[in-house]
N, C-alpha and C. Protein backbone atom coordinates (compact mmCIF):
# COMPACT_ATOMS: atom_id res chain seq x y z
N UNK A 1 0.82 -1.19 0.00
CA UNK A 1 0.00 0.00 0.00
C UNK A 1 0.87 1.25 0.00
N UNK A 2 1.97 1.24 0.77
CA UNK A 2 2.85 2.41 0.84
C UNK A 2 3.49 2.69 -0.51
N UNK A 3 3.81 1.62 -1.27
CA UNK A 3 4.42 1.79 -2.59
C UNK A 3 3.43 2.44 -3.55
N UNK A 4 2.18 1.99 -3.51
CA UNK A 4 1.15 2.58 -4.37
C UNK A 4 0.96 4.04 -4.03
N UNK A 5 0.90 4.35 -2.73
CA UNK A 5 0.74 5.74 -2.29
C UNK A 5 1.91 6.60 -2.76
N UNK A 6 3.13 6.08 -2.65
CA UNK A 6 4.31 6.83 -3.08
C UNK A 6 4.28 7.08 -4.59
N UNK A 7 3.86 6.08 -5.37
CA UNK A 7 3.79 6.25 -6.82
C UNK A 7 2.74 7.27 -7.22
N UNK A 8 1.59 7.23 -6.55
CA UNK A 8 0.54 8.21 -6.84
C UNK A 8 1.04 9.61 -6.51
N UNK A 9 1.67 9.76 -5.35
CA UNK A 9 2.18 11.08 -4.95
C UNK A 9 3.25 11.56 -5.91
N UNK A 10 4.14 10.67 -6.34
CA UNK A 10 5.19 11.05 -7.30
C UNK A 10 4.56 11.55 -8.60
N UNK A 11 3.55 10.84 -9.08
CA UNK A 11 2.87 11.27 -10.30
C UNK A 11 2.22 12.63 -10.14
N UNK A 12 1.59 12.85 -8.99
CA UNK A 12 0.96 14.14 -8.71
C UNK A 12 2.00 15.25 -8.68
N UNK A 13 3.12 15.00 -8.01
CA UNK A 13 4.17 16.02 -7.92
C UNK A 13 4.75 16.33 -9.30
N UNK A 14 4.92 15.31 -10.13
CA UNK A 14 5.45 15.55 -11.47
C UNK A 14 4.47 16.38 -12.30
N UNK A 15 3.18 16.06 -12.20
CA UNK A 15 2.18 16.84 -12.94
C UNK A 15 2.11 18.26 -12.42
N UNK A 16 2.20 18.42 -11.12
CA UNK A 16 2.14 19.76 -10.53
C UNK A 16 3.35 20.58 -10.96
N UNK A 17 4.52 19.94 -11.06
CA UNK A 17 5.73 20.64 -11.47
C UNK A 17 5.63 21.18 -12.88
N UNK A 18 4.80 20.55 -13.72
CA UNK A 18 4.64 20.98 -15.10
C UNK A 18 3.44 21.90 -15.27
N UNK A 19 2.79 22.23 -14.18
CA UNK A 19 1.56 23.03 -14.24
C UNK A 19 1.85 24.45 -14.68
N UNK A 20 0.90 25.00 -15.40
CA UNK A 20 0.97 26.39 -15.80
C UNK A 20 0.71 27.28 -14.59
N UNK A 21 1.28 28.48 -14.58
CA UNK A 21 0.99 29.40 -13.48
C UNK A 21 -0.32 30.14 -13.70
N UNK A 22 -0.94 29.94 -14.86
CA UNK A 22 -2.22 30.55 -15.16
C UNK A 22 -3.33 29.69 -14.55
N UNK A 23 -4.08 30.20 -13.55
CA UNK A 23 -5.10 29.38 -12.90
C UNK A 23 -6.15 28.86 -13.87
N UNK A 24 -6.39 29.54 -14.98
CA UNK A 24 -7.39 29.10 -15.93
C UNK A 24 -6.97 27.82 -16.64
N UNK A 25 -5.66 27.58 -16.74
CA UNK A 25 -5.19 26.40 -17.46
C UNK A 25 -4.49 25.41 -16.55
N UNK A 26 -4.34 25.72 -15.27
CA UNK A 26 -3.64 24.82 -14.35
C UNK A 26 -4.49 23.57 -14.11
N UNK A 27 -3.86 22.39 -14.12
CA UNK A 27 -4.63 21.18 -13.87
C UNK A 27 -5.04 21.10 -12.41
N UNK A 28 -6.12 20.38 -12.15
CA UNK A 28 -6.60 20.24 -10.78
C UNK A 28 -6.21 18.88 -10.22
N UNK A 29 -5.06 18.36 -10.63
CA UNK A 29 -4.65 17.02 -10.24
C UNK A 29 -3.61 17.04 -9.14
N UNK A 30 -3.58 18.06 -8.32
CA UNK A 30 -2.60 18.16 -7.24
C UNK A 30 -3.06 17.42 -6.00
N UNK A 31 -3.99 16.48 -6.17
CA UNK A 31 -4.55 15.78 -5.03
C UNK A 31 -4.53 14.28 -5.31
N UNK A 32 -4.08 13.52 -4.34
CA UNK A 32 -4.12 12.06 -4.44
C UNK A 32 -5.05 11.55 -3.34
N UNK A 33 -5.92 10.64 -3.72
CA UNK A 33 -6.83 10.06 -2.73
C UNK A 33 -6.56 8.57 -2.65
N UNK A 34 -6.48 8.06 -1.45
CA UNK A 34 -6.45 6.62 -1.24
C UNK A 34 -7.31 6.34 -0.02
N UNK A 35 -7.45 5.09 0.34
CA UNK A 35 -8.35 4.74 1.43
C UNK A 35 -7.86 5.25 2.78
N UNK A 36 -6.56 5.50 2.91
CA UNK A 36 -6.01 5.90 4.20
C UNK A 36 -5.97 7.40 4.42
N UNK A 37 -5.62 8.18 3.41
CA UNK A 37 -5.42 9.61 3.64
C UNK A 37 -5.72 10.42 2.40
N UNK A 38 -5.81 11.72 2.60
CA UNK A 38 -5.96 12.68 1.52
C UNK A 38 -4.62 13.41 1.43
N UNK A 39 -3.98 13.39 0.27
CA UNK A 39 -2.68 14.01 0.08
C UNK A 39 -2.83 15.17 -0.90
N UNK A 40 -2.37 16.35 -0.48
CA UNK A 40 -2.43 17.54 -1.33
C UNK A 40 -0.99 18.00 -1.58
N UNK A 41 -0.59 18.03 -2.85
CA UNK A 41 0.74 18.51 -3.23
C UNK A 41 0.66 20.00 -3.52
N UNK A 42 1.52 20.78 -2.87
CA UNK A 42 1.53 22.23 -3.01
C UNK A 42 2.89 22.66 -3.53
N UNK A 43 2.86 23.56 -4.51
CA UNK A 43 4.10 24.09 -5.08
C UNK A 43 4.08 25.62 -4.95
N UNK A 44 5.15 26.15 -4.36
CA UNK A 44 5.33 27.60 -4.24
C UNK A 44 6.61 27.91 -4.99
N UNK A 45 6.48 28.66 -6.10
CA UNK A 45 7.66 28.95 -6.92
C UNK A 45 7.49 30.28 -7.63
N UNK A 46 8.51 31.12 -7.53
CA UNK A 46 8.55 32.41 -8.23
C UNK A 46 7.29 33.23 -8.00
N UNK A 47 6.77 33.21 -6.78
CA UNK A 47 5.60 34.00 -6.45
C UNK A 47 4.27 33.36 -6.80
N UNK A 48 4.28 32.19 -7.41
CA UNK A 48 3.04 31.48 -7.76
C UNK A 48 2.79 30.35 -6.79
N UNK A 49 1.51 30.08 -6.54
CA UNK A 49 1.12 28.99 -5.66
C UNK A 49 0.16 28.09 -6.42
N UNK A 50 0.41 26.79 -6.33
CA UNK A 50 -0.47 25.81 -6.95
C UNK A 50 -0.67 24.66 -5.97
N UNK A 51 -1.89 24.21 -5.75
CA UNK A 51 -3.14 24.65 -6.34
C UNK A 51 -3.63 25.95 -5.69
N UNK A 52 -4.64 26.53 -6.31
CA UNK A 52 -5.24 27.76 -5.79
C UNK A 52 -6.68 27.47 -5.42
N UNK A 53 -6.95 27.41 -4.14
CA UNK A 53 -8.28 27.19 -3.57
C UNK A 53 -9.04 26.03 -4.21
N UNK A 54 -8.36 24.89 -4.29
CA UNK A 54 -9.01 23.68 -4.77
C UNK A 54 -10.04 23.25 -3.73
N UNK A 55 -11.19 22.76 -4.17
CA UNK A 55 -12.27 22.33 -3.26
C UNK A 55 -12.20 20.81 -3.14
N UNK A 56 -12.13 20.32 -1.89
CA UNK A 56 -11.98 18.89 -1.64
C UNK A 56 -12.95 18.46 -0.55
N UNK A 57 -13.26 17.16 -0.54
CA UNK A 57 -14.09 16.59 0.50
C UNK A 57 -13.31 15.51 1.22
N UNK A 58 -13.54 15.41 2.53
CA UNK A 58 -12.94 14.38 3.35
C UNK A 58 -13.86 14.11 4.52
N UNK A 59 -13.40 13.30 5.45
CA UNK A 59 -14.24 12.98 6.60
C UNK A 59 -13.47 13.23 7.90
N UNK A 60 -14.19 13.41 8.98
CA UNK A 60 -13.60 13.62 10.30
C UNK A 60 -12.66 12.46 10.61
N UNK A 61 -11.47 12.78 11.11
CA UNK A 61 -10.52 11.77 11.53
C UNK A 61 -9.65 11.20 10.45
N UNK A 62 -9.95 11.46 9.18
CA UNK A 62 -9.12 10.94 8.08
C UNK A 62 -7.83 11.74 8.02
N UNK A 63 -6.67 11.07 7.97
CA UNK A 63 -5.41 11.81 7.88
C UNK A 63 -5.34 12.64 6.60
N UNK A 64 -4.85 13.85 6.75
CA UNK A 64 -4.63 14.76 5.62
C UNK A 64 -3.15 15.09 5.62
N UNK A 65 -2.53 14.97 4.47
CA UNK A 65 -1.10 15.25 4.36
C UNK A 65 -0.88 16.30 3.28
N UNK A 66 -0.19 17.37 3.64
CA UNK A 66 0.17 18.42 2.70
C UNK A 66 1.66 18.22 2.40
N UNK A 67 2.01 18.08 1.13
CA UNK A 67 3.40 17.91 0.71
C UNK A 67 3.78 19.18 -0.05
N UNK A 68 4.79 19.89 0.44
CA UNK A 68 5.12 21.22 -0.09
C UNK A 68 6.51 21.24 -0.71
N UNK A 69 6.57 21.77 -1.92
CA UNK A 69 7.82 22.15 -2.57
C UNK A 69 7.80 23.67 -2.62
N UNK A 70 8.83 24.32 -2.07
CA UNK A 70 8.80 25.77 -1.98
C UNK A 70 10.18 26.37 -2.23
N UNK A 71 10.18 27.54 -2.84
CA UNK A 71 11.44 28.28 -3.02
C UNK A 71 11.55 29.45 -2.04
N UNK A 72 10.65 29.49 -1.05
CA UNK A 72 10.65 30.60 -0.09
C UNK A 72 10.08 30.15 1.26
N UNK A 73 10.30 30.96 2.28
CA UNK A 73 9.70 30.71 3.59
C UNK A 73 8.23 31.13 3.56
N UNK A 74 7.41 30.41 4.30
CA UNK A 74 6.01 30.78 4.48
C UNK A 74 5.50 30.02 5.70
N UNK A 75 4.22 30.13 5.93
CA UNK A 75 3.60 29.43 7.04
C UNK A 75 2.26 28.91 6.57
N UNK A 76 2.02 27.63 6.77
CA UNK A 76 0.78 27.00 6.37
C UNK A 76 -0.17 27.01 7.56
N UNK A 77 -1.36 27.55 7.37
CA UNK A 77 -2.38 27.59 8.43
C UNK A 77 -3.55 26.70 8.04
N UNK A 78 -3.99 25.88 8.97
CA UNK A 78 -5.17 25.05 8.78
C UNK A 78 -6.21 25.55 9.77
N UNK A 79 -7.27 26.16 9.24
CA UNK A 79 -8.31 26.74 10.08
C UNK A 79 -9.38 25.68 10.36
N UNK A 80 -9.07 24.81 11.33
CA UNK A 80 -9.92 23.69 11.68
C UNK A 80 -9.99 23.59 13.20
N UNK A 81 -10.73 22.61 13.67
CA UNK A 81 -10.72 22.30 15.08
C UNK A 81 -10.12 20.93 15.23
N UNK A 82 -8.90 20.82 15.77
CA UNK A 82 -8.03 21.89 16.23
C UNK A 82 -7.33 22.59 15.06
N UNK A 83 -6.86 23.83 15.32
CA UNK A 83 -6.10 24.57 14.30
C UNK A 83 -4.68 24.02 14.26
N UNK A 84 -4.04 24.18 13.09
CA UNK A 84 -2.66 23.74 12.91
C UNK A 84 -1.89 24.83 12.18
N UNK A 85 -0.62 24.98 12.53
CA UNK A 85 0.29 25.90 11.85
C UNK A 85 1.59 25.15 11.59
N UNK A 86 2.09 25.24 10.35
CA UNK A 86 3.31 24.54 9.98
C UNK A 86 4.26 25.52 9.29
N UNK A 87 5.53 25.58 9.74
CA UNK A 87 6.51 26.45 9.07
C UNK A 87 7.00 25.82 7.77
N UNK A 88 7.07 26.62 6.73
CA UNK A 88 7.58 26.18 5.43
C UNK A 88 8.91 26.87 5.19
N UNK A 89 9.89 26.10 4.76
CA UNK A 89 11.20 26.63 4.40
C UNK A 89 11.48 26.27 2.95
N UNK A 90 12.45 26.92 2.31
CA UNK A 90 12.79 26.52 0.96
C UNK A 90 13.24 25.05 0.93
N UNK A 91 12.68 24.31 0.02
CA UNK A 91 13.02 22.89 -0.11
C UNK A 91 11.87 22.10 -0.67
N UNK A 92 12.16 20.86 -1.01
CA UNK A 92 11.16 19.99 -1.62
C UNK A 92 10.76 18.87 -0.67
N UNK A 93 9.52 18.41 -0.84
CA UNK A 93 9.05 17.25 -0.09
C UNK A 93 8.78 17.47 1.38
N UNK A 94 8.48 18.70 1.78
CA UNK A 94 8.13 18.97 3.18
C UNK A 94 6.74 18.41 3.43
N UNK A 95 6.60 17.57 4.47
CA UNK A 95 5.35 16.87 4.73
C UNK A 95 4.73 17.32 6.05
N UNK A 96 3.44 17.65 5.98
CA UNK A 96 2.70 18.09 7.15
C UNK A 96 1.42 17.25 7.23
N UNK A 97 1.24 16.56 8.33
CA UNK A 97 0.12 15.63 8.48
C UNK A 97 -0.74 16.05 9.67
N UNK A 98 -2.06 15.98 9.48
CA UNK A 98 -3.00 16.34 10.54
C UNK A 98 -4.34 15.67 10.29
N UNK A 99 -5.23 15.77 11.26
CA UNK A 99 -6.61 15.34 11.10
C UNK A 99 -7.51 16.49 11.55
N UNK A 100 -8.75 16.42 11.14
CA UNK A 100 -9.76 17.39 11.55
C UNK A 100 -10.78 16.64 12.40
N UNK A 101 -11.11 17.20 13.57
CA UNK A 101 -11.98 16.52 14.52
C UNK A 101 -13.44 16.96 14.47
N UNK A 102 -13.72 18.08 13.82
CA UNK A 102 -15.07 18.63 13.81
C UNK A 102 -15.51 18.84 12.35
N UNK A 103 -16.70 18.35 11.97
CA UNK A 103 -17.17 18.55 10.60
C UNK A 103 -17.34 20.03 10.28
N UNK A 104 -17.24 20.35 8.99
CA UNK A 104 -17.46 21.73 8.54
C UNK A 104 -16.51 22.10 7.43
N UNK A 105 -16.40 23.39 7.19
CA UNK A 105 -15.55 23.95 6.13
C UNK A 105 -14.21 24.32 6.75
N UNK A 106 -13.12 23.87 6.12
CA UNK A 106 -11.77 24.11 6.63
C UNK A 106 -10.93 24.72 5.52
N UNK A 107 -10.36 25.88 5.80
CA UNK A 107 -9.47 26.52 4.83
C UNK A 107 -8.02 26.23 5.18
N UNK A 108 -7.24 25.94 4.15
CA UNK A 108 -5.80 25.75 4.29
C UNK A 108 -5.16 26.89 3.50
N UNK A 109 -4.41 27.73 4.20
CA UNK A 109 -3.88 28.92 3.53
C UNK A 109 -2.41 29.14 3.84
N UNK A 110 -1.77 29.89 2.97
CA UNK A 110 -0.39 30.32 3.16
C UNK A 110 -0.42 31.72 3.73
N UNK A 111 0.23 31.91 4.87
CA UNK A 111 0.16 33.18 5.58
C UNK A 111 0.81 34.32 4.81
N UNK A 112 2.08 34.18 4.43
CA UNK A 112 2.80 35.29 3.80
C UNK A 112 2.37 35.51 2.35
N UNK A 113 2.08 34.43 1.63
CA UNK A 113 1.61 34.57 0.25
C UNK A 113 0.16 35.05 0.19
N UNK A 114 -0.54 34.94 1.32
CA UNK A 114 -1.95 35.34 1.40
C UNK A 114 -2.80 34.64 0.34
N UNK A 115 -2.60 33.34 0.26
CA UNK A 115 -3.33 32.51 -0.71
C UNK A 115 -3.99 31.34 -0.01
N UNK A 116 -5.20 31.02 -0.42
CA UNK A 116 -5.86 29.81 0.04
C UNK A 116 -5.46 28.68 -0.90
N UNK A 117 -4.89 27.64 -0.35
CA UNK A 117 -4.45 26.49 -1.14
C UNK A 117 -5.63 25.56 -1.39
N UNK A 118 -6.40 25.28 -0.34
CA UNK A 118 -7.52 24.36 -0.44
C UNK A 118 -8.60 24.72 0.56
N UNK A 119 -9.83 24.39 0.19
CA UNK A 119 -10.95 24.47 1.12
C UNK A 119 -11.53 23.06 1.20
N UNK A 120 -11.54 22.53 2.43
CA UNK A 120 -12.03 21.17 2.65
C UNK A 120 -13.45 21.21 3.19
N UNK A 121 -14.29 20.34 2.67
CA UNK A 121 -15.60 20.09 3.25
C UNK A 121 -15.43 18.81 4.05
N UNK A 122 -15.44 18.93 5.35
CA UNK A 122 -15.19 17.79 6.24
C UNK A 122 -16.54 17.28 6.73
N UNK A 123 -16.83 16.04 6.40
CA UNK A 123 -18.11 15.42 6.78
C UNK A 123 -17.92 14.55 8.02
N UNK A 124 -18.97 14.48 8.83
CA UNK A 124 -18.94 13.70 10.07
C UNK A 124 -19.02 12.21 9.87
């Protein structure tokens, strides 16, 4: 199962790396879903952030993993119950894992870039 998950994530990261910086043409494939977790690949490069406010669904207690490739410092905020904050530094493959305990709408945003990466609909 871990090998399948790694291959899916690698494919997502490769597709995201080739993504256009134009939101109108950027692919929405920066997300991998498997039975265990929801994985969102985030790329911060040359002032652009991908994905941009992608809408996703998940369930309470399901692990969510954000994998970040970045060329700059930032801070990832998860506005959920409980809230989470993760420091981002320049580098590839930074992994941040969390769960959401309360159903509802959860925004994942970059503090310094002032961009929403994803909005999760968390079901009970």
